[in-house]
Amino acid sequence: MPRLFEDLALARPLPTPHRQTHRAQLLILDDFGTHSLTDQQRFHLFEIVEERYRR
């Protein structure tokens, strides 16, 4: 998760949908909850989960 958030923070423009996570059939979010999330990180996480839920 920390690496994913770093990659998303550096991406300009933001990938839509998040290309790294969109292609994977299974997405494992490791180290989730080991640190508090910023508003931007919460937003990115929500977008990823919402997009995958729709598929």
PDB file of N, CA and C in Angstrom:
ATOM      1  N   MET A   1       0.802  -1.182   0.000  1.00  0.00           N
ATOM      2  CA  MET A   1       0.000   0.000   0.000  1.00  0.00           C
ATOM      3  C   MET A   1       0.859   1.266   0.000  1.00  0.00           C
ATOM      4  N   PRO A   2       1.869   1.371   0.857  1.00  0.00           N
ATOM      5  CA  PRO A   2       2.658   2.606   0.827  1.00  0.00           C
ATOM      6  C   PRO A   2       3.265   2.870  -0.555  1.00  0.00           C
ATOM      7  N   ARG A   3       3.752   1.835  -1.204  1.00  0.00           N
ATOM      8  CA  ARG A   3       4.357   2.003  -2.537  1.00  0.00           C
ATOM      9  C   ARG A   3       3.303   2.436  -3.554  1.00  0.00           C
ATOM     10  N   LEU A   4       2.114   1.855  -3.479  1.00  0.00           N
ATOM     11  CA  LEU A   4       1.031   2.236  -4.375  1.00  0.00           C
ATOM     12  C   LEU A   4       0.681   3.702  -4.190  1.00  0.00           C
ATOM     13  N   PHE A   5       0.579   4.158  -2.947  1.00  0.00           N
ATOM     14  CA  PHE A   5       0.251   5.555  -2.694  1.00  0.00           C
ATOM     15  C   PHE A   5       1.352   6.492  -3.173  1.00  0.00           C
ATOM     16  N   GLU A   6       2.602   6.072  -3.025  1.00  0.00           N
ATOM     17  CA  GLU A   6       3.707   6.888  -3.538  1.00  0.00           C
ATOM     18  C   GLU A   6       3.608   7.024  -5.058  1.00  0.00           C
ATOM     19  N   ASP A   7       3.344   5.909  -5.729  1.00  0.00           N
ATOM     20  CA  ASP A   7       3.220   5.936  -7.193  1.00  0.00           C
ATOM     21  C   ASP A   7       2.058   6.811  -7.639  1.00  0.00           C
ATOM     22  N   LEU A   8       0.941   6.713  -6.945  1.00  0.00           N
ATOM     23  CA  LEU A   8      -0.224   7.524  -7.310  1.00  0.00           C
ATOM     24  C   LEU A   8       0.018   9.003  -7.057  1.00  0.00           C
ATOM     25  N   ALA A   9       0.739   9.322  -5.982  1.00  0.00           N
ATOM     26  CA  ALA A   9       1.021  10.723  -5.670  1.00  0.00           C
ATOM     27  C   ALA A   9       1.928  11.354  -6.719  1.00  0.00           C
ATOM     28  N   LEU A  10       2.821  10.553  -7.299  1.00  0.00           N
ATOM     29  CA  LEU A  10       3.757  11.065  -8.297  1.00  0.00           C
ATOM     30  C   LEU A  10       3.176  11.091  -9.699  1.00  0.00           C
ATOM     31  N   ALA A  11       2.110  10.346  -9.940  1.00  0.00           N
ATOM     32  CA  ALA A  11       1.526  10.243 -11.281  1.00  0.00           C
ATOM     33  C   ALA A  11       0.825  11.550 -11.655  1.00  0.00           C
ATOM     34  N   ARG A  12       1.204  12.103 -12.774  1.00  0.00           N
ATOM     35  CA  ARG A  12       0.560  13.310 -13.315  1.00  0.00           C
ATOM     36  C   ARG A  12       0.344  13.108 -14.782  1.00  0.00           C
ATOM     37  N   PRO A  13      -0.818  13.121 -15.320  1.00  0.00           N
ATOM     38  CA  PRO A  13      -2.084  13.109 -14.578  1.00  0.00           C
ATOM     39  C   PRO A  13      -2.316  11.748 -13.942  1.00  0.00           C
ATOM     40  N   LEU A  14      -3.262  11.704 -13.033  1.00  0.00           N
ATOM     41  CA  LEU A  14      -3.555  10.439 -12.372  1.00  0.00           C
ATOM     42  C   LEU A  14      -4.066   9.439 -13.390  1.00  0.00           C
ATOM     43  N   PRO A  15      -3.601   8.203 -13.302  1.00  0.00           N
ATOM     44  CA  PRO A  15      -4.086   7.183 -14.226  1.00  0.00           C
ATOM     45  C   PRO A  15      -5.572   6.925 -14.001  1.00  0.00           C
ATOM     46  N   THR A  16      -6.334   6.864 -15.089  1.00  0.00           N
ATOM     47  CA  THR A  16      -7.774   6.652 -14.967  1.00  0.00           C
ATOM     48  C   THR A  16      -8.208   5.578 -15.927  1.00  0.00           C
ATOM     49  N   PRO A  17      -8.720   4.446 -15.508  1.00  0.00           N
ATOM     50  CA  PRO A  17      -8.621   3.992 -14.121  1.00  0.00           C
ATOM     51  C   PRO A  17      -7.179   3.659 -13.783  1.00  0.00           C
ATOM     52  N   HIS A  18      -6.890   3.430 -12.549  1.00  0.00           N
ATOM     53  CA  HIS A  18      -5.512   3.190 -12.129  1.00  0.00           C
ATOM     54  C   HIS A  18      -4.987   1.972 -12.872  1.00  0.00           C
ATOM     55  N   ARG A  19      -4.118   2.202 -13.810  1.00  0.00           N
ATOM     56  CA  ARG A  19      -3.689   1.145 -14.729  1.00  0.00           C
ATOM     57  C   ARG A  19      -3.018  -0.025 -14.029  1.00  0.00           C
ATOM     58  N   GLN A  20      -2.234   0.255 -12.995  1.00  0.00           N
ATOM     59  CA  GLN A  20      -1.548  -0.842 -12.318  1.00  0.00           C
ATOM     60  C   GLN A  20      -2.541  -1.817 -11.691  1.00  0.00           C
ATOM     61  N   THR A  21      -3.606  -1.299 -11.140  1.00  0.00           N
ATOM     62  CA  THR A  21      -4.550  -2.141 -10.412  1.00  0.00           C
ATOM     63  C   THR A  21      -5.688  -2.622 -11.299  1.00  0.00           C
ATOM     64  N   HIS A  22      -5.926  -1.947 -12.391  1.00  0.00           N
ATOM     65  CA  HIS A  22      -7.077  -2.270 -13.238  1.00  0.00           C
ATOM     66  C   HIS A  22      -6.899  -3.607 -13.958  1.00  0.00           C
ATOM     67  N   ARG A  23      -5.680  -3.919 -14.381  1.00  0.00           N
ATOM     68  CA  ARG A  23      -5.436  -5.128 -15.164  1.00  0.00           C
ATOM     69  C   ARG A  23      -5.400  -6.395 -14.322  1.00  0.00           C
ATOM     70  N   ALA A  24      -5.088  -6.295 -13.056  1.00  0.00           N
ATOM     71  CA  ALA A  24      -4.942  -7.481 -12.204  1.00  0.00           C
ATOM     72  C   ALA A  24      -6.299  -8.095 -11.888  1.00  0.00           C
ATOM     73  N   GLN A  25      -6.366  -9.419 -11.960  1.00  0.00           N
ATOM     74  CA  GLN A  25      -7.606 -10.095 -11.595  1.00  0.00           C
ATOM     75  C   GLN A  25      -7.817 -10.094 -10.087  1.00  0.00           C
ATOM     76  N   LEU A  26      -6.732 -10.178  -9.357  1.00  0.00           N
ATOM     77  CA  LEU A  26      -6.783 -10.189  -7.901  1.00  0.00           C
ATOM     78  C   LEU A  26      -5.881  -9.077  -7.388  1.00  0.00           C
ATOM     79  N   LEU A  27      -6.408  -8.246  -6.530  1.00  0.00           N
ATOM     80  CA  LEU A  27      -5.627  -7.155  -5.960  1.00  0.00           C
ATOM     81  C   LEU A  27      -5.479  -7.399  -4.463  1.00  0.00           C
ATOM     82  N   ILE A  28      -4.248  -7.555  -4.027  1.00  0.00           N
ATOM     83  CA  ILE A  28      -3.957  -7.768  -2.609  1.00  0.00           C
ATOM     84  C   ILE A  28      -3.376  -6.471  -2.062  1.00  0.00           C
ATOM     85  N   LEU A  29      -4.047  -5.914  -1.074  1.00  0.00           N
ATOM     86  CA  LEU A  29      -3.597  -4.665  -0.456  1.00  0.00           C
ATOM     87  C   LEU A  29      -2.845  -5.014   0.822  1.00  0.00           C
ATOM     88  N   ASP A  30      -1.532  -5.150   0.702  1.00  0.00           N
ATOM     89  CA  ASP A  30      -0.676  -5.530   1.819  1.00  0.00           C
ATOM     90  C   ASP A  30      -0.290  -4.289   2.613  1.00  0.00           C
ATOM     91  N   ASP A  31      -0.028  -4.465   3.879  1.00  0.00           N
ATOM     92  CA  ASP A  31       0.350  -3.381   4.787  1.00  0.00           C
ATOM     93  C   ASP A  31      -0.750  -2.329   4.902  1.00  0.00           C
ATOM     94  N   PHE A  32      -1.984  -2.752   4.727  1.00  0.00           N
ATOM     95  CA  PHE A  32      -3.105  -1.839   4.853  1.00  0.00           C
ATOM     96  C   PHE A  32      -3.366  -1.586   6.337  1.00  0.00           C
ATOM     97  N   GLY A  33      -3.447  -0.346   6.700  1.00  0.00           N
ATOM     98  CA  GLY A  33      -3.727   0.008   8.087  1.00  0.00           C
ATOM     99  C   GLY A  33      -2.497   0.115   8.968  1.00  0.00           C
ATOM    100  N   THR A  34      -1.305   0.018   8.386  1.00  0.00           N
ATOM    101  CA  THR A  34      -0.100   0.138   9.206  1.00  0.00           C
ATOM    102  C   THR A  34       0.261   1.594   9.474  1.00  0.00           C
ATOM    103  N   HIS A  35      -0.339   2.502   8.712  1.00  0.00           N
ATOM    104  CA  HIS A  35      -0.140   3.930   8.952  1.00  0.00           C
ATOM    105  C   HIS A  35      -1.430   4.661   8.602  1.00  0.00           C
ATOM    106  N   SER A  36      -1.612   5.834   9.147  1.00  0.00           N
ATOM    107  CA  SER A  36      -2.834   6.583   8.854  1.00  0.00           C
ATOM    108  C   SER A  36      -2.755   7.160   7.443  1.00  0.00           C
ATOM    109  N   LEU A  37      -3.915   7.312   6.816  1.00  0.00           N
ATOM    110  CA  LEU A  37      -3.990   7.777   5.435  1.00  0.00           C
ATOM    111  C   LEU A  37      -4.317   9.263   5.375  1.00  0.00           C
ATOM    112  N   THR A  38      -3.738   9.918   4.394  1.00  0.00           N
ATOM    113  CA  THR A  38      -4.095  11.314   4.138  1.00  0.00           C
ATOM    114  C   THR A  38      -5.418  11.344   3.388  1.00  0.00           C
ATOM    115  N   ASP A  39      -5.993  12.507   3.253  1.00  0.00           N
ATOM    116  CA  ASP A  39      -7.238  12.632   2.489  1.00  0.00           C
ATOM    117  C   ASP A  39      -7.047  12.178   1.049  1.00  0.00           C
ATOM    118  N   GLN A  40      -5.909  12.535   0.463  1.00  0.00           N
ATOM    119  CA  GLN A  40      -5.626  12.139  -0.919  1.00  0.00           C
ATOM    120  C   GLN A  40      -5.495  10.620  -1.030  1.00  0.00           C
ATOM    121  N   GLN A  41      -4.838   9.984  -0.081  1.00  0.00           N
ATOM    122  CA  GLN A  41      -4.682   8.539  -0.102  1.00  0.00           C
ATOM    123  C   GLN A  41      -6.020   7.834   0.081  1.00  0.00           C
ATOM    124  N   ARG A  42      -6.859   8.350   0.968  1.00  0.00           N
ATOM    125  CA  ARG A  42      -8.202   7.780   1.145  1.00  0.00           C
ATOM    126  C   ARG A  42      -9.006   7.885  -0.138  1.00  0.00           C
ATOM    127  N   PHE A  43      -8.885   9.020  -0.814  1.00  0.00           N
ATOM    128  CA  PHE A  43      -9.585   9.228  -2.075  1.00  0.00           C
ATOM    129  C   PHE A  43      -9.127   8.206  -3.119  1.00  0.00           C
ATOM    130  N   HIS A  44      -7.806   8.021  -3.255  1.00  0.00           N
ATOM    131  CA  HIS A  44      -7.281   7.050  -4.218  1.00  0.00           C
ATOM    132  C   HIS A  44      -7.737   5.632  -3.886  1.00  0.00           C
ATOM    133  N   LEU A  45      -7.680   5.273  -2.617  1.00  0.00           N
ATOM    134  CA  LEU A  45      -8.107   3.940  -2.208  1.00  0.00           C
ATOM    135  C   LEU A  45      -9.583   3.732  -2.523  1.00  0.00           C
ATOM    136  N   PHE A  46     -10.408   4.715  -2.233  1.00  0.00           N
ATOM    137  CA  PHE A  46     -11.835   4.619  -2.543  1.00  0.00           C
ATOM    138  C   PHE A  46     -12.050   4.440  -4.042  1.00  0.00           C
ATOM    139  N   GLU A  47     -11.331   5.203  -4.869  1.00  0.00           N
ATOM    140  CA  GLU A  47     -11.471   5.063  -6.319  1.00  0.00           C
ATOM    141  C   GLU A  47     -11.101   3.666  -6.793  1.00  0.00           C
ATOM    142  N   ILE A  48     -10.022   3.127  -6.269  1.00  0.00           N
ATOM    143  CA  ILE A  48      -9.586   1.787  -6.663  1.00  0.00           C
ATOM    144  C   ILE A  48     -10.623   0.745  -6.283  1.00  0.00           C
ATOM    145  N   VAL A  49     -11.078   0.793  -5.039  1.00  0.00           N
ATOM    146  CA  VAL A  49     -12.060  -0.189  -4.572  1.00  0.00           C
ATOM    147  C   VAL A  49     -13.371  -0.037  -5.332  1.00  0.00           C
ATOM    148  N   GLU A  50     -13.821   1.175  -5.531  1.00  0.00           N
ATOM    149  CA  GLU A  50     -15.075   1.406  -6.244  1.00  0.00           C
ATOM    150  C   GLU A  50     -15.002   0.902  -7.688  1.00  0.00           C
ATOM    151  N   GLU A  51     -13.902   1.178  -8.377  1.00  0.00           N
ATOM    152  CA  GLU A  51     -13.738   0.725  -9.749  1.00  0.00           C
ATOM    153  C   GLU A  51     -13.750  -0.795  -9.843  1.00  0.00           C
ATOM    154  N   ARG A  52     -13.050  -1.438  -8.938  1.00  0.00           N
ATOM    155  CA  ARG A  52     -12.997  -2.900  -8.943  1.00  0.00           C
ATOM    156  C   ARG A  52     -14.356  -3.491  -8.575  1.00  0.00           C
ATOM    157  N   TYR A  53     -15.078  -2.837  -7.697  1.00  0.00           N
ATOM    158  CA  TYR A  53     -16.413  -3.334  -7.315  1.00  0.00           C
ATOM    159  C   TYR A  53     -17.370  -3.284  -8.510  1.00  0.00           C
ATOM    160  N   ARG A  54     -17.263  -2.225  -9.305  1.00  0.00           N
ATOM    161  CA  ARG A  54     -18.130  -2.097 -10.480  1.00  0.00           C
ATOM    162  C   ARG A  54     -17.857  -3.189 -11.511  1.00  0.00           C
ATOM    163  N   ARG A  55     -16.601  -3.644 -11.574  1.00  0.00           N
ATOM    164  CA  ARG A  55     -16.271  -4.712 -12.533  1.00  0.00           C
ATOM    165  C   ARG A  55     -16.720  -6.032 -11.973  1.00  0.00           C
TER     166      ARG A  55
END
